[in-house]
Amino acid sequence: MSQYLVLLRGINVGGKNIIKMADLKASFEAMGFANVRTYIQSGNVLLESAEKDKEALTARIEKDLSKQFNFQARVVVVSQKELAAIVKSAPEGFGQDDEKFRYDVIFLKEPLIPKEAMKSVSVREGVDTAHAGRQALYFSRLISRASQSYLTKIIGLPVYQGMTIRNWNTTTKLLVLMEGQNG
C-alpha cells in the first residue's frame, strides 16, 4: 500500500462547495481506500491505496467526488515521498520567520510543472518572493504588507485551475501525519 495526500481545490471557501470532513472521509472510505484521515476543513485527505498510477488515482477520485458532492472536483494527489521532497527542498530559510512572513506552498496538478507555473506568478517587489521547486512553488509575503501581495492575483488566472495552495504549517503538519502513519 502507498500513502497519498489528496488536496481538494475550492471546498469550504467563501461559502462554496461546503463539505463536512466526516462526509469527505466516508466518501473516500466508500471508494475503498484504507486509513483515511482528514486534516482541517480545507480538504486535506490522507489515505492508503494499492494504486500506483497517480494519474488513474486522480481521475477516479475526481469522478467519484464530483458525482457524490455535485460539483466539479479537482484534486492534487501527492505521494508521501513527493511531500517529503517538497518540504525538504524548500528554499533556504523558508518557513523560518513566521513573525515577519506568511509562507505558502503552491501544489501543482499534473501536467503543470513549476517552470511553466512560474511564468504566471507575479511578485511585488519588497513584499513577495516566489521560488520554483521541483514539484511545487514556494511563496512568501511580508505580513506587514500582506494586503499588497500579488498572491491573490493568481486566483483569477487560468493557470490557477491547476494549483492548490496550503500554508507552510499545514504542509509540514501533513508530512508529520503521513510519517506517523508509517512509523
C-alpha atoms as a PDB file:
ATOM      1  CA  MET A   1       0.000   0.000   0.000  1.00  0.00           C
ATOM      2  CA  SER A   2       1.158   3.516  -0.794  1.00  0.00           C
ATOM      3  CA  GLN A   3       0.340   6.625   1.203  1.00  0.00           C
ATOM      4  CA  TYR A   4      -1.102   9.606  -0.595  1.00  0.00           C
ATOM      5  CA  LEU A   5      -2.188  13.086   0.275  1.00  0.00           C
ATOM      6  CA  VAL A   6      -5.217  14.273  -1.675  1.00  0.00           C
ATOM      7  CA  LEU A   7      -5.601  18.054  -1.760  1.00  0.00           C
ATOM      8  CA  LEU A   8      -9.053  19.190  -2.835  1.00  0.00           C
ATOM      9  CA  ARG A   9      -9.356  22.526  -4.593  1.00  0.00           C
ATOM     10  CA  GLY A  10     -12.052  25.038  -3.779  1.00  0.00           C
ATOM     11  CA  ILE A  11     -14.017  23.409  -0.988  1.00  0.00           C
ATOM     12  CA  ASN A  12     -15.247  25.218   2.124  1.00  0.00           C
ATOM     13  CA  VAL A  13     -14.025  28.556   0.742  1.00  0.00           C
ATOM     14  CA  GLY A  14     -16.285  31.589   0.669  1.00  0.00           C
ATOM     15  CA  GLY A  15     -19.408  29.530   1.335  1.00  0.00           C
ATOM     16  CA  LYS A  16     -18.949  27.423  -1.809  1.00  0.00           C
ATOM     17  CA  ASN A  17     -18.740  23.646  -2.132  1.00  0.00           C
ATOM     18  CA  ILE A  18     -19.296  23.086   1.582  1.00  0.00           C
ATOM     19  CA  ILE A  19     -18.319  19.545   2.533  1.00  0.00           C
ATOM     20  CA  LYS A  20     -18.102  18.264   6.079  1.00  0.00           C
ATOM     21  CA  MET A  21     -14.867  16.417   6.737  1.00  0.00           C
ATOM     22  CA  ALA A  22     -16.790  13.434   8.158  1.00  0.00           C
ATOM     23  CA  ASP A  23     -18.692  13.165   4.856  1.00  0.00           C
ATOM     24  CA  LEU A  24     -15.484  13.525   2.878  1.00  0.00           C
ATOM     25  CA  LYS A  25     -13.796  10.805   4.934  1.00  0.00           C
ATOM     26  CA  ALA A  26     -16.794   8.489   4.478  1.00  0.00           C
ATOM     27  CA  SER A  27     -16.717   9.124   0.729  1.00  0.00           C
ATOM     28  CA  PHE A  28     -13.056   8.068   0.463  1.00  0.00           C
ATOM     29  CA  GLU A  29     -13.713   5.002   2.617  1.00  0.00           C
ATOM     30  CA  ALA A  30     -16.619   4.075   0.319  1.00  0.00           C
ATOM     31  CA  MET A  31     -14.171   4.296  -2.608  1.00  0.00           C
ATOM     32  CA  GLY A  32     -12.187   1.542  -0.880  1.00  0.00           C
ATOM     33  CA  PHE A  33      -9.223   3.498   0.447  1.00  0.00           C
ATOM     34  CA  ALA A  34      -7.578   2.461   3.731  1.00  0.00           C
ATOM     35  CA  ASN A  35      -6.562   4.524   6.780  1.00  0.00           C
ATOM     36  CA  VAL A  36      -8.470   7.578   5.556  1.00  0.00           C
ATOM     37  CA  ARG A  37      -7.935  10.705   7.637  1.00  0.00           C
ATOM     38  CA  THR A  38      -8.754  14.352   7.074  1.00  0.00           C
ATOM     39  CA  TYR A  39      -6.870  17.351   8.396  1.00  0.00           C
ATOM     40  CA  ILE A  40      -8.589  20.720   8.956  1.00  0.00           C
ATOM     41  CA  GLN A  41     -11.516  21.948   6.860  1.00  0.00           C
ATOM     42  CA  SER A  42      -9.644  22.883   3.685  1.00  0.00           C
ATOM     43  CA  GLY A  43      -9.807  19.478   2.002  1.00  0.00           C
ATOM     44  CA  ASN A  44      -6.695  17.586   3.033  1.00  0.00           C
ATOM     45  CA  VAL A  45      -7.187  13.825   2.909  1.00  0.00           C
ATOM     46  CA  LEU A  46      -4.551  11.271   3.869  1.00  0.00           C
ATOM     47  CA  LEU A  47      -5.110   7.729   2.658  1.00  0.00           C
ATOM     48  CA  GLU A  48      -3.534   4.470   1.598  1.00  0.00           C
ATOM     49  CA  SER A  49      -4.103   2.788  -1.729  1.00  0.00           C
ATOM     50  CA  ALA A  50      -2.737  -0.142  -3.664  1.00  0.00           C
ATOM     51  CA  GLU A  51      -2.948   2.028  -6.821  1.00  0.00           C
ATOM     52  CA  LYS A  52       0.487   3.037  -8.096  1.00  0.00           C
ATOM     53  CA  ASP A  53      -0.706   5.118 -11.075  1.00  0.00           C
ATOM     54  CA  LYS A  54      -1.272   8.654  -9.738  1.00  0.00           C
ATOM     55  CA  GLU A  55      -2.999   9.799 -12.924  1.00  0.00           C
ATOM     56  CA  ALA A  56      -5.552   6.972 -12.690  1.00  0.00           C
ATOM     57  CA  LEU A  57      -5.972   7.589  -8.971  1.00  0.00           C
ATOM     58  CA  THR A  58      -6.571  11.303  -9.537  1.00  0.00           C
ATOM     59  CA  ALA A  59      -9.125  10.683 -12.290  1.00  0.00           C
ATOM     60  CA  ARG A  60     -11.018   8.153 -10.178  1.00  0.00           C
ATOM     61  CA  ILE A  61     -11.138  10.421  -7.124  1.00  0.00           C
ATOM     62  CA  GLU A  62     -12.275  13.436  -9.148  1.00  0.00           C
ATOM     63  CA  LYS A  63     -15.013  11.440 -10.859  1.00  0.00           C
ATOM     64  CA  ASP A  64     -16.330   9.922  -7.619  1.00  0.00           C
ATOM     65  CA  LEU A  65     -16.209  13.177  -5.640  1.00  0.00           C
ATOM     66  CA  SER A  66     -17.871  15.135  -8.455  1.00  0.00           C
ATOM     67  CA  LYS A  67     -20.725  12.645  -8.540  1.00  0.00           C
ATOM     68  CA  GLN A  68     -21.127  12.375  -4.771  1.00  0.00           C
ATOM     69  CA  PHE A  69     -20.910  16.079  -3.899  1.00  0.00           C
ATOM     70  CA  ASN A  70     -22.379  17.564  -7.096  1.00  0.00           C
ATOM     71  CA  PHE A  71     -19.536  19.891  -8.088  1.00  0.00           C
ATOM     72  CA  GLN A  72     -16.583  19.649 -10.460  1.00  0.00           C
ATOM     73  CA  ALA A  73     -14.000  18.195  -8.087  1.00  0.00           C
ATOM     74  CA  ARG A  74     -10.362  18.909  -8.809  1.00  0.00           C
ATOM     75  CA  VAL A  75      -7.635  17.344  -6.704  1.00  0.00           C
ATOM     76  CA  VAL A  76      -3.877  17.268  -6.482  1.00  0.00           C
ATOM     77  CA  VAL A  77      -2.537  13.873  -5.411  1.00  0.00           C
ATOM     78  CA  VAL A  78       0.873  13.799  -3.705  1.00  0.00           C
ATOM     79  CA  SER A  79       2.705  10.683  -2.554  1.00  0.00           C
ATOM     80  CA  GLN A  80       4.416  10.633   0.837  1.00  0.00           C
ATOM     81  CA  LYS A  81       7.794  10.580  -0.911  1.00  0.00           C
ATOM     82  CA  GLU A  82       6.842  13.622  -3.009  1.00  0.00           C
ATOM     83  CA  LEU A  83       5.582  15.554   0.014  1.00  0.00           C
ATOM     84  CA  ALA A  84       8.809  14.792   1.887  1.00  0.00           C
ATOM     85  CA  ALA A  85      10.807  16.086  -1.099  1.00  0.00           C
ATOM     86  CA  ILE A  86       8.674  19.257  -1.298  1.00  0.00           C
ATOM     87  CA  VAL A  87       9.276  20.017   2.385  1.00  0.00           C
ATOM     88  CA  LYS A  88      12.977  19.126   2.235  1.00  0.00           C
ATOM     89  CA  SER A  89      13.534  21.141  -0.967  1.00  0.00           C
ATOM     90  CA  ALA A  90      12.087  24.408   0.331  1.00  0.00           C
ATOM     91  CA  PRO A  91      14.334  27.402  -0.298  1.00  0.00           C
ATOM     92  CA  GLU A  92      16.832  28.155   2.448  1.00  0.00           C
ATOM     93  CA  GLY A  93      15.136  29.977   5.325  1.00  0.00           C
ATOM     94  CA  PHE A  94      11.613  29.277   4.029  1.00  0.00           C
ATOM     95  CA  GLY A  95       9.180  28.946   6.919  1.00  0.00           C
ATOM     96  CA  GLN A  96      11.754  30.162   9.447  1.00  0.00           C
ATOM     97  CA  ASP A  97      10.440  33.643  10.304  1.00  0.00           C
ATOM     98  CA  ASP A  98       6.676  33.317  10.775  1.00  0.00           C
ATOM     99  CA  GLU A  99       6.574  36.521  12.825  1.00  0.00           C
ATOM    100  CA  LYS A 100       7.536  38.503   9.727  1.00  0.00           C
ATOM    101  CA  PHE A 101       6.368  36.394   6.749  1.00  0.00           C
ATOM    102  CA  ARG A 102       3.478  34.200   5.632  1.00  0.00           C
ATOM    103  CA  TYR A 103       4.644  31.123   3.787  1.00  0.00           C
ATOM    104  CA  ASP A 104       2.642  29.094   1.282  1.00  0.00           C
ATOM    105  CA  VAL A 105       3.281  26.059  -0.867  1.00  0.00           C
ATOM    106  CA  ILE A 106       1.561  26.068  -4.237  1.00  0.00           C
ATOM    107  CA  PHE A 107       0.913  22.454  -5.193  1.00  0.00           C
ATOM    108  CA  LEU A 108       0.612  21.806  -8.921  1.00  0.00           C
ATOM    109  CA  LYS A 109      -1.825  19.497 -10.630  1.00  0.00           C
ATOM    110  CA  GLU A 110      -0.086  17.393 -13.234  1.00  0.00           C
ATOM    111  CA  PRO A 111       0.764  18.020 -16.041  1.00  0.00           C
ATOM    112  CA  LEU A 112       1.511  21.589 -14.833  1.00  0.00           C
ATOM    113  CA  ILE A 113       5.171  21.902 -13.917  1.00  0.00           C
ATOM    114  CA  PRO A 114       6.880  24.566 -11.755  1.00  0.00           C
ATOM    115  CA  LYS A 115       8.769  26.178 -14.648  1.00  0.00           C
ATOM    116  CA  GLU A 116       5.505  26.765 -16.550  1.00  0.00           C
ATOM    117  CA  ALA A 117       3.567  27.840 -13.455  1.00  0.00           C
ATOM    118  CA  MET A 118       6.206  30.451 -12.546  1.00  0.00           C
ATOM    119  CA  LYS A 119       5.542  32.246 -15.852  1.00  0.00           C
ATOM    120  CA  SER A 120       2.147  33.271 -14.439  1.00  0.00           C
ATOM    121  CA  VAL A 121       3.250  34.146 -10.909  1.00  0.00           C
ATOM    122  CA  SER A 122       3.842  37.829 -10.241  1.00  0.00           C
ATOM    123  CA  VAL A 123       5.621  39.130  -7.172  1.00  0.00           C
ATOM    124  CA  ARG A 124       5.503  42.608  -5.690  1.00  0.00           C
ATOM    125  CA  GLU A 125       8.994  43.936  -5.031  1.00  0.00           C
ATOM    126  CA  GLY A 126       9.667  44.197  -1.308  1.00  0.00           C
ATOM    127  CA  VAL A 127       6.550  42.180  -0.400  1.00  0.00           C
ATOM    128  CA  ASP A 128       6.574  38.803  -2.135  1.00  0.00           C
ATOM    129  CA  THR A 129       9.083  36.168  -3.106  1.00  0.00           C
ATOM    130  CA  ALA A 130       8.372  33.115  -5.219  1.00  0.00           C
ATOM    131  CA  HIS A 131      10.576  30.134  -5.979  1.00  0.00           C
ATOM    132  CA  ALA A 132      10.061  27.172  -8.255  1.00  0.00           C
ATOM    133  CA  GLY A 133      10.890  23.851  -6.683  1.00  0.00           C
ATOM    134  CA  ARG A 134      10.977  20.533  -8.490  1.00  0.00           C
ATOM    135  CA  GLN A 135       7.329  19.725  -7.693  1.00  0.00           C
ATOM    136  CA  ALA A 136       5.799  22.883  -6.201  1.00  0.00           C
ATOM    137  CA  LEU A 137       6.145  26.632  -5.884  1.00  0.00           C
ATOM    138  CA  TYR A 138       7.142  28.355  -2.666  1.00  0.00           C
ATOM    139  CA  PHE A 139       5.599  31.769  -1.999  1.00  0.00           C
ATOM    140  CA  SER A 140       6.273  34.093   0.914  1.00  0.00           C
ATOM    141  CA  ARG A 141       4.908  37.527   1.687  1.00  0.00           C
ATOM    142  CA  LEU A 142       5.644  40.162   4.265  1.00  0.00           C
ATOM    143  CA  ILE A 143       2.876  40.079   6.893  1.00  0.00           C
ATOM    144  CA  SER A 144       3.064  43.851   7.423  1.00  0.00           C
ATOM    145  CA  ARG A 145       2.294  44.392   3.723  1.00  0.00           C
ATOM    146  CA  ALA A 146       0.209  41.255   3.040  1.00  0.00           C
ATOM    147  CA  SER A 147      -2.675  43.306   1.610  1.00  0.00           C
ATOM    148  CA  GLN A 148      -0.272  44.429  -1.163  1.00  0.00           C
ATOM    149  CA  SER A 149       0.787  40.878  -2.027  1.00  0.00           C
ATOM    150  CA  TYR A 150       0.292  39.601  -5.554  1.00  0.00           C
ATOM    151  CA  LEU A 151      -0.580  36.086  -4.330  1.00  0.00           C
ATOM    152  CA  THR A 152      -4.295  36.857  -4.679  1.00  0.00           C
ATOM    153  CA  LYS A 153      -3.785  37.806  -8.361  1.00  0.00           C
ATOM    154  CA  ILE A 154      -3.006  34.156  -9.102  1.00  0.00           C
ATOM    155  CA  ILE A 155      -6.575  33.141  -8.237  1.00  0.00           C
ATOM    156  CA  GLY A 156      -8.001  34.979 -11.262  1.00  0.00           C
ATOM    157  CA  LEU A 157      -5.636  33.375 -13.755  1.00  0.00           C
ATOM    158  CA  PRO A 158      -6.476  30.325 -15.900  1.00  0.00           C
ATOM    159  CA  VAL A 159      -3.316  28.567 -14.613  1.00  0.00           C
ATOM    160  CA  TYR A 160      -4.829  28.630 -11.101  1.00  0.00           C
ATOM    161  CA  GLN A 161      -7.126  25.760 -12.135  1.00  0.00           C
ATOM    162  CA  GLY A 162      -4.009  23.583 -11.965  1.00  0.00           C
ATOM    163  CA  MET A 163      -2.950  24.730  -8.493  1.00  0.00           C
ATOM    164  CA  THR A 164      -3.957  24.496  -4.867  1.00  0.00           C
ATOM    165  CA  ILE A 165      -2.336  26.435  -2.046  1.00  0.00           C
ATOM    166  CA  ARG A 166      -1.572  25.321   1.503  1.00  0.00           C
ATOM    167  CA  ASN A 167       0.281  27.306   4.126  1.00  0.00           C
ATOM    168  CA  TRP A 168       3.671  26.044   5.278  1.00  0.00           C
ATOM    169  CA  ASN A 169       2.447  24.969   8.714  1.00  0.00           C
ATOM    170  CA  THR A 170      -0.308  22.833   7.173  1.00  0.00           C
ATOM    171  CA  THR A 171       2.130  21.363   4.641  1.00  0.00           C
ATOM    172  CA  THR A 172       4.663  20.335   7.277  1.00  0.00           C
ATOM    173  CA  LYS A 173       1.937  19.004   9.612  1.00  0.00           C
ATOM    174  CA  LEU A 174       0.569  16.822   6.797  1.00  0.00           C
ATOM    175  CA  LEU A 175       4.022  15.329   6.311  1.00  0.00           C
ATOM    176  CA  VAL A 176       4.317  14.620  10.052  1.00  0.00           C
ATOM    177  CA  LEU A 177       0.915  12.901   9.940  1.00  0.00           C
ATOM    178  CA  MET A 178       1.967  10.791   6.949  1.00  0.00           C
ATOM    179  CA  GLU A 179       5.281   9.841   8.536  1.00  0.00           C
ATOM    180  CA  GLY A 180       3.498   8.931  11.784  1.00  0.00           C
ATOM    181  CA  GLN A 181       1.288   6.523   9.870  1.00  0.00           C
ATOM    182  CA  ASN A 182       4.384   4.797   8.550  1.00  0.00           C
ATOM    183  CA  GLY A 183       6.193   4.574  11.861  1.00  0.00           C
END
